[in-house]
Amino acid sequence: MRVHVRGDGDRTLLFALGWGNRPGHATVDWLLDGLTDAGWTVHAVVLDENGTDFERDYAEPLTRVRDEVYPDACAGHSLGGLALAHVPGDDPRVYSAPFWGPHPGGAAALLPLLSRLPIAERVVPLTRDRSAIGDLRPAEEDAAADRGVSPAWLGAVREGQSTLPPFREGSAVHCSLRDRVVSTRAIGERAPADRVRLYDGEHEFFSSRGRRAVLDRFLDDLDAVADA
């Protein structure tokens, strides 16, 4: 887990990025620039791509970063949204397409079996269409997906999904009903309808057309949780 600091704003944001996201990616940089332009100092957390124990590799390290940074607001995308949900505290958070459950399509039926295998090598290929992530995502941002995932990582993620704490009052979730990576049903089962912000796009709103309007709503929710 690595932390990259951007901006010098008056308010501090802890943002747990999604699996394979990192500063230097054009779409991630667009997101971080939008956040810093809005007056945030952003501590962007790059997660381990092959954690094999959810608490040890995701929840506990992110909690330590939160305690060190003491941010005004916390946000998380995809895997980062799953990890952030496990960080203790009653403070509201803002989520983008949190990975609270797998999308039911494709090879989802095999995940329970694969995740039981004690194999830490990344032998499970990912064959998803780049358009499922976002139509603005360039091919060079697919390096992590090209390396696949390990059964042990799948097991760690399932551990995190099966032990999610209750949804925190005042939190907000941004997601698309077209998402082909995470389960929108899992989101709907946890988040009240009035705390869900639907957008037109794919899994990464910051890699989708119309992203500026989504970011504006995301910023509104960050302001709200910072003032809570």
Protein backbone atom coordinates (compact mmCIF):
# COMPACT_ATOMS: atom_id res chain seq x y z
CA MET A 1 0.00 0.00 0.00
CA ARG A 2 1.43 3.36 -1.08
CA VAL A 3 0.19 6.90 -0.49
CA HIS A 4 0.60 9.74 -3.00
CA VAL A 5 -0.16 13.30 -1.89
CA ARG A 6 -1.58 15.82 -4.36
CA GLY A 7 -2.54 19.45 -3.85
CA ASP A 8 -2.26 21.97 -1.03
CA GLY A 9 -5.91 22.71 -0.29
CA ASP A 10 -7.40 23.68 3.03
CA ARG A 11 -9.21 20.35 3.43
CA THR A 12 -7.72 16.87 3.45
CA LEU A 13 -9.19 13.89 1.60
CA LEU A 14 -8.20 10.25 1.96
CA PHE A 15 -9.04 8.50 -1.32
CA ALA A 16 -8.58 4.72 -1.56
CA LEU A 17 -8.16 3.97 -5.26
CA GLY A 18 -9.48 0.89 -7.03
CA TRP A 19 -7.59 -2.26 -7.92
CA GLY A 20 -4.92 -1.43 -10.51
CA ASN A 21 -5.52 2.35 -10.30
CA ARG A 22 -2.51 4.56 -9.69
CA PRO A 23 -1.38 8.16 -10.12
CA GLY A 24 0.23 8.54 -13.53
CA HIS A 25 -2.75 6.95 -15.25
CA ALA A 26 -4.42 9.63 -17.35
CA THR A 27 -7.89 8.93 -15.98
CA VAL A 28 -6.73 8.79 -12.35
CA ASP A 29 -4.78 12.02 -12.82
CA TRP A 30 -7.92 13.64 -14.23
CA LEU A 31 -9.78 12.63 -11.08
CA LEU A 32 -7.04 13.80 -8.73
CA ASP A 33 -6.70 17.11 -10.58
CA GLY A 34 -10.44 17.67 -10.27
CA LEU A 35 -10.30 17.02 -6.54
CA THR A 36 -7.32 19.28 -5.94
CA ASP A 37 -8.81 22.05 -8.10
CA ALA A 38 -11.81 21.94 -5.76
CA GLY A 39 -9.58 22.74 -2.79
CA TRP A 40 -8.69 19.30 -1.45
CA THR A 41 -5.30 17.99 -0.48
CA VAL A 42 -5.64 14.39 -1.63
CA HIS A 43 -3.90 11.43 -0.04
CA ALA A 44 -4.42 8.86 -2.81
CA VAL A 45 -3.93 5.29 -1.58
CA VAL A 46 -2.70 2.68 -4.06
CA LEU A 47 -3.77 -0.76 -2.88
CA ASP A 48 -1.88 -4.03 -3.09
CA GLU A 49 -2.90 -5.84 -6.28
CA ASN A 50 -2.42 -9.27 -4.73
CA GLY A 51 -3.38 -9.10 -1.07
CA THR A 52 -4.15 -12.53 0.35
CA ASP A 53 -5.64 -11.59 3.73
CA PHE A 54 -8.25 -8.85 3.70
CA GLU A 55 -7.71 -7.50 7.20
CA ARG A 56 -3.92 -7.67 7.08
CA ASP A 57 -3.43 -6.38 3.54
CA TYR A 58 -6.31 -3.93 3.10
CA ALA A 59 -8.41 -2.94 6.11
CA GLU A 60 -5.65 -2.57 8.70
CA PRO A 61 -3.14 -0.66 6.51
CA LEU A 62 -5.87 1.73 5.33
CA THR A 63 -6.95 2.29 8.92
CA ARG A 64 -3.37 3.20 9.86
CA VAL A 65 -3.19 5.70 7.00
CA ARG A 66 -6.52 7.24 8.06
CA ASP A 67 -5.26 7.59 11.63
CA GLU A 68 -2.02 9.23 10.46
CA VAL A 69 -3.66 11.62 7.98
CA TYR A 70 -6.74 12.49 10.07
CA PRO A 71 -8.65 13.58 6.95
CA ASP A 72 -11.68 15.85 6.70
CA ALA A 73 -13.34 13.30 4.40
CA CYS A 74 -12.78 9.74 3.15
CA ALA A 75 -13.67 8.26 -0.23
CA GLY A 76 -13.03 5.00 -2.03
CA HIS A 77 -13.47 3.52 -5.48
CA SER A 78 -14.17 -0.18 -6.20
CA LEU A 79 -11.76 -2.27 -4.09
CA GLY A 80 -10.88 0.94 -2.26
CA GLY A 81 -14.56 1.32 -1.42
CA LEU A 82 -14.62 -2.19 0.03
CA ALA A 83 -11.52 -1.54 2.13
CA LEU A 84 -12.80 1.86 3.28
CA ALA A 85 -16.06 0.35 4.51
CA HIS A 86 -13.99 -1.74 6.96
CA VAL A 87 -12.12 1.25 8.44
CA PRO A 88 -13.57 1.75 11.95
CA GLY A 89 -15.52 4.88 12.82
CA ASP A 90 -18.99 6.35 12.48
CA ASP A 91 -17.96 9.11 10.07
CA PRO A 92 -19.81 9.12 6.72
CA ARG A 93 -17.86 8.25 3.57
CA VAL A 94 -18.30 8.73 -0.18
CA TYR A 95 -18.04 5.68 -2.42
CA SER A 96 -17.62 5.21 -6.16
CA ALA A 97 -18.77 1.81 -7.47
CA PRO A 98 -17.69 -0.01 -4.29
CA PHE A 99 -16.78 -3.67 -4.72
CA TRP A 100 -19.30 -4.93 -2.16
CA GLY A 101 -20.16 -7.90 -4.34
CA PRO A 102 -19.08 -9.36 -7.70
CA HIS A 103 -21.03 -8.74 -10.87
CA PRO A 104 -23.17 -11.84 -11.47
CA GLY A 105 -22.21 -12.26 -15.12
CA GLY A 106 -19.33 -14.12 -16.73
CA ALA A 107 -17.41 -16.56 -14.52
CA ALA A 108 -18.97 -15.35 -11.25
CA ALA A 109 -20.29 -18.85 -10.53
CA LEU A 110 -16.71 -20.14 -10.37
CA LEU A 111 -15.49 -17.55 -7.85
CA PRO A 112 -16.46 -19.49 -4.70
CA LEU A 113 -14.50 -22.52 -5.93
CA LEU A 114 -11.48 -20.57 -7.16
CA SER A 115 -11.26 -18.49 -4.00
CA ARG A 116 -10.76 -21.61 -1.86
CA LEU A 117 -7.53 -22.55 -3.63
CA PRO A 118 -4.41 -21.65 -1.57
CA ILE A 119 -2.58 -20.23 -4.58
CA ALA A 120 -1.01 -16.76 -4.37
CA GLU A 121 0.28 -16.71 -7.96
CA ARG A 122 -1.77 -14.63 -10.39
CA VAL A 123 -2.98 -17.54 -12.50
CA VAL A 124 -6.61 -16.47 -13.02
CA PRO A 125 -6.86 -14.41 -16.23
CA LEU A 126 -9.08 -11.36 -16.52
CA THR A 127 -10.79 -11.15 -19.88
CA ARG A 128 -13.16 -8.24 -19.30
CA ASP A 129 -13.74 -5.74 -22.07
CA ARG A 130 -12.00 -2.41 -21.47
CA SER A 131 -15.29 -0.70 -22.32
CA ALA A 132 -16.69 -2.18 -19.10
CA ILE A 133 -14.30 0.08 -17.18
CA GLY A 134 -14.89 3.25 -19.19
CA ASP A 135 -14.78 4.38 -22.78
CA LEU A 136 -12.06 6.96 -22.03
CA ARG A 137 -9.68 4.44 -20.45
CA PRO A 138 -6.50 4.02 -22.54
CA ALA A 139 -5.02 0.57 -23.18
CA GLU A 140 -1.83 1.34 -21.25
CA GLU A 141 -3.83 1.44 -18.01
CA ASP A 142 -4.63 -2.28 -18.31
CA ALA A 143 -1.27 -3.59 -17.07
CA ALA A 144 -2.69 -4.89 -13.78
CA ALA A 145 -5.57 -6.68 -15.50
CA ASP A 146 -3.18 -8.23 -18.01
CA ARG A 147 -1.35 -9.92 -15.10
CA GLY A 148 -4.57 -11.53 -13.83
CA VAL A 149 -5.41 -12.26 -10.21
CA SER A 150 -4.66 -15.04 -7.76
CA PRO A 151 -7.16 -17.41 -6.13
CA ALA A 152 -5.86 -16.19 -2.75
CA TRP A 153 -6.72 -12.60 -3.72
CA LEU A 154 -10.22 -13.70 -4.70
CA GLY A 155 -10.52 -15.32 -1.28
CA ALA A 156 -9.40 -12.13 0.46
CA VAL A 157 -11.97 -10.08 -1.43
CA ARG A 158 -14.75 -12.55 -0.62
CA GLU A 159 -13.70 -12.32 3.03
CA GLY A 160 -14.11 -8.55 2.92
CA GLN A 161 -17.45 -8.76 1.14
CA SER A 162 -18.87 -11.30 3.59
CA THR A 163 -17.93 -9.27 6.68
CA LEU A 164 -19.04 -5.78 5.64
CA PRO A 165 -20.11 -3.56 8.54
CA PRO A 166 -23.41 -1.66 8.41
CA PHE A 167 -23.77 1.30 6.05
CA ARG A 168 -22.83 4.48 7.87
CA GLU A 169 -25.48 7.17 8.11
CA GLY A 170 -24.77 10.13 5.84
CA SER A 171 -22.56 8.19 3.44
CA ALA A 172 -23.19 8.32 -0.31
CA VAL A 173 -22.62 5.84 -3.13
CA HIS A 174 -22.09 6.78 -6.78
CA CYS A 175 -22.64 3.95 -9.27
CA SER A 176 -23.96 3.06 -12.70
CA LEU A 177 -26.60 0.45 -13.43
CA ARG A 178 -24.46 -0.48 -16.45
CA ASP A 179 -21.57 -1.55 -14.22
CA ARG A 180 -20.21 -4.94 -15.34
CA VAL A 181 -17.53 -5.24 -12.65
CA VAL A 182 -19.28 -4.88 -9.30
CA SER A 183 -22.73 -5.91 -8.14
CA THR A 184 -25.18 -3.02 -8.06
CA ARG A 185 -27.55 -5.34 -6.20
CA ALA A 186 -25.00 -5.62 -3.39
CA ILE A 187 -24.90 -1.82 -3.28
CA GLY A 188 -28.69 -1.57 -3.23
CA GLU A 189 -28.96 -4.10 -0.42
CA ARG A 190 -26.72 -1.99 1.81
CA ALA A 191 -27.27 1.65 0.89
CA PRO A 192 -30.64 3.42 1.29
CA ALA A 193 -32.06 4.56 -2.04
CA ASP A 194 -31.75 8.23 -1.12
CA ARG A 195 -27.99 7.78 -0.57
CA VAL A 196 -27.34 6.26 -4.03
CA ARG A 197 -26.33 8.59 -6.89
CA LEU A 198 -26.82 6.96 -10.28
CA TYR A 199 -24.82 8.13 -13.27
CA ASP A 200 -24.66 7.25 -16.96
CA GLY A 201 -21.36 5.52 -17.58
CA GLU A 202 -19.31 2.47 -16.75
CA HIS A 203 -17.46 1.15 -13.69
CA GLU A 204 -15.04 4.09 -13.45
CA PHE A 205 -16.97 7.34 -13.69
CA PHE A 206 -13.66 9.14 -14.18
CA SER A 207 -13.04 7.01 -17.29
CA SER A 208 -16.53 7.58 -18.71
CA ARG A 209 -17.99 10.28 -20.90
CA GLY A 210 -19.94 12.84 -18.91
CA ARG A 211 -17.50 12.45 -16.02
CA ARG A 212 -17.40 16.17 -15.19
CA ALA A 213 -21.04 16.19 -14.11
CA VAL A 214 -20.49 13.07 -11.98
CA LEU A 215 -17.44 14.61 -10.34
CA ASP A 216 -19.44 17.73 -9.46
CA ARG A 217 -21.99 15.59 -7.60
CA PHE A 218 -19.17 13.61 -5.99
CA LEU A 219 -17.63 16.88 -4.76
CA ASP A 220 -20.99 17.95 -3.32
CA ASP A 221 -21.10 14.75 -1.27
CA LEU A 222 -17.51 15.23 -0.11
CA ASP A 223 -18.43 18.71 1.11
CA ALA A 224 -21.42 17.27 2.95
CA VAL A 225 -19.49 14.53 4.76
CA ALA A 226 -16.68 16.95 5.63
CA ASP A 227 -19.23 19.25 7.26
CA ALA A 228 -21.06 16.44 9.05
